[in-house]
Amino acid sequence: MTESEVIEVKLLQNSSNLKVIEIDEKIELILKALSSKTRRRILKNIKLEPMDVSKIASNLSMTEANISAQIKILEEADLIKCEYCSGKHGVRKISFIKYNQMLLKFL
């Protein structure tokens, strides 16, 4: 495999947690998820600190409904994980970066 056949996507810098993706269908989901500026902004917001939907929406000046839809796409692409915890007004959905680095291999 030559260097030109590998695309490296870094979600966090200077980290050793590396996930290698070689399955075409998974690569397509990841690239689709990363094609949106809003979804990339969400990843940047949660890379240092996990956040709930309302805080992300506030940071990005967007609706919680829009952020929830974008988070669903990021989850389906396996780029983030979410956990639920109780909050002041019900259940909060907290989003975390799942992998520090991702290596996409085109075989």
C-alpha atoms as a PDB file:
ATOM      1  CA  MET A   1       0.000   0.000   0.000  1.00  0.00           C
ATOM      2  CA  THR A   2       1.373   3.376  -0.968  1.00  0.00           C
ATOM      3  CA  GLU A   3       1.027   6.566   1.003  1.00  0.00           C
ATOM      4  CA  SER A   4      -1.409   7.944  -1.571  1.00  0.00           C
ATOM      5  CA  GLU A   5      -3.839   5.084  -0.837  1.00  0.00           C
ATOM      6  CA  VAL A   6      -4.312   6.073   2.803  1.00  0.00           C
ATOM      7  CA  ILE A   7      -6.330   8.999   4.136  1.00  0.00           C
ATOM      8  CA  GLU A   8      -5.784   9.834   7.770  1.00  0.00           C
ATOM      9  CA  VAL A   9      -8.522  11.626   9.693  1.00  0.00           C
ATOM     10  CA  LYS A  10      -7.436  13.016  13.062  1.00  0.00           C
ATOM     11  CA  LEU A  11     -10.203  13.910  15.475  1.00  0.00           C
ATOM     12  CA  LEU A  12      -7.837  14.741  18.303  1.00  0.00           C
ATOM     13  CA  GLN A  13      -4.167  15.531  18.052  1.00  0.00           C
ATOM     14  CA  ASN A  14      -1.287  13.886  19.940  1.00  0.00           C
ATOM     15  CA  SER A  15      -3.138  10.789  21.013  1.00  0.00           C
ATOM     16  CA  SER A  16      -2.433   7.083  20.741  1.00  0.00           C
ATOM     17  CA  ASN A  17      -6.003   5.775  20.420  1.00  0.00           C
ATOM     18  CA  LEU A  18      -6.062   4.764  16.724  1.00  0.00           C
ATOM     19  CA  LYS A  19      -8.965   3.077  14.930  1.00  0.00           C
ATOM     20  CA  VAL A  20      -8.287   1.543  11.494  1.00  0.00           C
ATOM     21  CA  ILE A  21     -11.224   1.355   9.079  1.00  0.00           C
ATOM     22  CA  GLU A  22     -10.982  -0.821   5.961  1.00  0.00           C
ATOM     23  CA  ILE A  23     -14.635  -1.627   5.167  1.00  0.00           C
ATOM     24  CA  ASP A  24     -16.024   0.434   2.276  1.00  0.00           C
ATOM     25  CA  GLU A  25     -19.499   0.857   3.810  1.00  0.00           C
ATOM     26  CA  LYS A  26     -18.029   2.200   7.066  1.00  0.00           C
ATOM     27  CA  ILE A  27     -15.721   4.548   5.154  1.00  0.00           C
ATOM     28  CA  GLU A  28     -18.735   5.917   3.241  1.00  0.00           C
ATOM     29  CA  LEU A  29     -20.622   6.600   6.497  1.00  0.00           C
ATOM     30  CA  ILE A  30     -17.603   8.357   7.978  1.00  0.00           C
ATOM     31  CA  LEU A  31     -16.984  10.508   4.908  1.00  0.00           C
ATOM     32  CA  LYS A  32     -20.672  11.430   4.714  1.00  0.00           C
ATOM     33  CA  ALA A  33     -20.645  12.430   8.389  1.00  0.00           C
ATOM     34  CA  LEU A  34     -17.494  14.517   7.945  1.00  0.00           C
ATOM     35  CA  SER A  35     -18.822  16.227   4.805  1.00  0.00           C
ATOM     36  CA  SER A  36     -20.996  18.521   6.937  1.00  0.00           C
ATOM     37  CA  LYS A  37     -19.456  21.654   8.425  1.00  0.00           C
ATOM     38  CA  THR A  38     -21.989  21.498  11.281  1.00  0.00           C
ATOM     39  CA  ARG A  39     -20.986  17.945  12.188  1.00  0.00           C
ATOM     40  CA  ARG A  40     -17.288  18.872  12.075  1.00  0.00           C
ATOM     41  CA  ARG A  41     -18.050  21.823  14.372  1.00  0.00           C
ATOM     42  CA  ILE A  42     -19.809  19.438  16.781  1.00  0.00           C
ATOM     43  CA  LEU A  43     -16.725  17.190  16.828  1.00  0.00           C
ATOM     44  CA  LYS A  44     -14.500  20.187  17.550  1.00  0.00           C
ATOM     45  CA  ASN A  45     -16.801  21.246  20.397  1.00  0.00           C
ATOM     46  CA  ILE A  46     -16.752  17.872  22.129  1.00  0.00           C
ATOM     47  CA  LYS A  47     -13.132  16.907  21.485  1.00  0.00           C
ATOM     48  CA  LEU A  48     -11.867  18.351  24.766  1.00  0.00           C
ATOM     49  CA  GLU A  49     -14.982  17.999  26.887  1.00  0.00           C
ATOM     50  CA  PRO A  50     -18.097  15.843  26.497  1.00  0.00           C
ATOM     51  CA  MET A  51     -21.224  17.970  26.139  1.00  0.00           C
ATOM     52  CA  ASP A  52     -24.965  17.586  26.123  1.00  0.00           C
ATOM     53  CA  VAL A  53     -27.157  18.523  23.172  1.00  0.00           C
ATOM     54  CA  SER A  54     -28.334  21.814  24.692  1.00  0.00           C
ATOM     55  CA  LYS A  55     -24.788  23.040  25.383  1.00  0.00           C
ATOM     56  CA  ILE A  56     -23.633  22.134  21.863  1.00  0.00           C
ATOM     57  CA  ALA A  57     -26.705  23.877  20.410  1.00  0.00           C
ATOM     58  CA  SER A  58     -25.975  26.963  22.494  1.00  0.00           C
ATOM     59  CA  ASN A  59     -22.287  27.007  21.491  1.00  0.00           C
ATOM     60  CA  LEU A  60     -23.165  26.732  17.794  1.00  0.00           C
ATOM     61  CA  SER A  61     -26.265  28.987  17.914  1.00  0.00           C
ATOM     62  CA  MET A  62     -28.461  26.221  16.505  1.00  0.00           C
ATOM     63  CA  THR A  63     -31.600  24.424  17.617  1.00  0.00           C
ATOM     64  CA  GLU A  64     -31.427  21.347  19.809  1.00  0.00           C
ATOM     65  CA  ALA A  65     -33.477  19.459  17.198  1.00  0.00           C
ATOM     66  CA  ASN A  66     -30.867  20.168  14.516  1.00  0.00           C
ATOM     67  CA  ILE A  67     -27.982  19.196  16.792  1.00  0.00           C
ATOM     68  CA  SER A  68     -29.783  15.969  17.793  1.00  0.00           C
ATOM     69  CA  ALA A  69     -30.191  15.039  14.121  1.00  0.00           C
ATOM     70  CA  GLN A  70     -26.514  15.750  13.434  1.00  0.00           C
ATOM     71  CA  ILE A  71     -25.420  13.741  16.481  1.00  0.00           C
ATOM     72  CA  LYS A  72     -27.451  10.777  15.236  1.00  0.00           C
ATOM     73  CA  ILE A  73     -25.470  10.817  11.969  1.00  0.00           C
ATOM     74  CA  LEU A  74     -22.168  11.030  13.869  1.00  0.00           C
ATOM     75  CA  GLU A  75     -23.246   8.082  16.035  1.00  0.00           C
ATOM     76  CA  GLU A  76     -24.232   6.013  12.992  1.00  0.00           C
ATOM     77  CA  ALA A  77     -20.785   6.701  11.523  1.00  0.00           C
ATOM     78  CA  ASP A  78     -19.279   5.467  14.819  1.00  0.00           C
ATOM     79  CA  LEU A  79     -17.414   8.754  15.354  1.00  0.00           C
ATOM     80  CA  ILE A  80     -18.995   9.541  18.715  1.00  0.00           C
ATOM     81  CA  LYS A  81     -20.706   7.740  21.553  1.00  0.00           C
ATOM     82  CA  CYS A  82     -23.513   9.057  23.700  1.00  0.00           C
ATOM     83  CA  GLU A  83     -24.584   8.375  27.250  1.00  0.00           C
ATOM     84  CA  TYR A  84     -27.725   9.425  29.026  1.00  0.00           C
ATOM     85  CA  CYS A  85     -27.806  10.939  32.503  1.00  0.00           C
ATOM     86  CA  SER A  86     -30.397  12.753  34.551  1.00  0.00           C
ATOM     87  CA  GLY A  87     -30.471  16.528  34.485  1.00  0.00           C
ATOM     88  CA  LYS A  88     -32.530  19.377  35.916  1.00  0.00           C
ATOM     89  CA  HIS A  89     -35.294  18.978  33.335  1.00  0.00           C
ATOM     90  CA  GLY A  90     -35.213  15.276  32.488  1.00  0.00           C
ATOM     91  CA  VAL A  91     -32.633  13.135  30.745  1.00  0.00           C
ATOM     92  CA  ARG A  92     -29.538  14.662  29.133  1.00  0.00           C
ATOM     93  CA  LYS A  93     -27.727  13.076  26.181  1.00  0.00           C
ATOM     94  CA  ILE A  94     -23.964  13.540  26.581  1.00  0.00           C
ATOM     95  CA  SER A  95     -21.768  13.162  23.477  1.00  0.00           C
ATOM     96  CA  PHE A  96     -18.133  11.977  23.554  1.00  0.00           C
ATOM     97  CA  ILE A  97     -15.473  11.587  20.853  1.00  0.00           C
ATOM     98  CA  LYS A  98     -15.153   7.825  20.336  1.00  0.00           C
ATOM     99  CA  TYR A  99     -11.710   7.632  18.713  1.00  0.00           C
ATOM    100  CA  ASN A 100      -8.751   9.950  18.988  1.00  0.00           C
ATOM    101  CA  GLN A 101      -7.466   9.054  15.536  1.00  0.00           C
ATOM    102  CA  MET A 102      -8.916   7.214  12.586  1.00  0.00           C
ATOM    103  CA  LEU A 103      -7.050   5.724   9.650  1.00  0.00           C
ATOM    104  CA  LEU A 104      -9.113   4.994   6.531  1.00  0.00           C
ATOM    105  CA  LYS A 105      -7.510   2.371   4.287  1.00  0.00           C
ATOM    106  CA  PHE A 106      -8.619   2.025   0.719  1.00  0.00           C
ATOM    107  CA  LEU A 107      -7.725  -1.501  -0.310  1.00  0.00           C
END
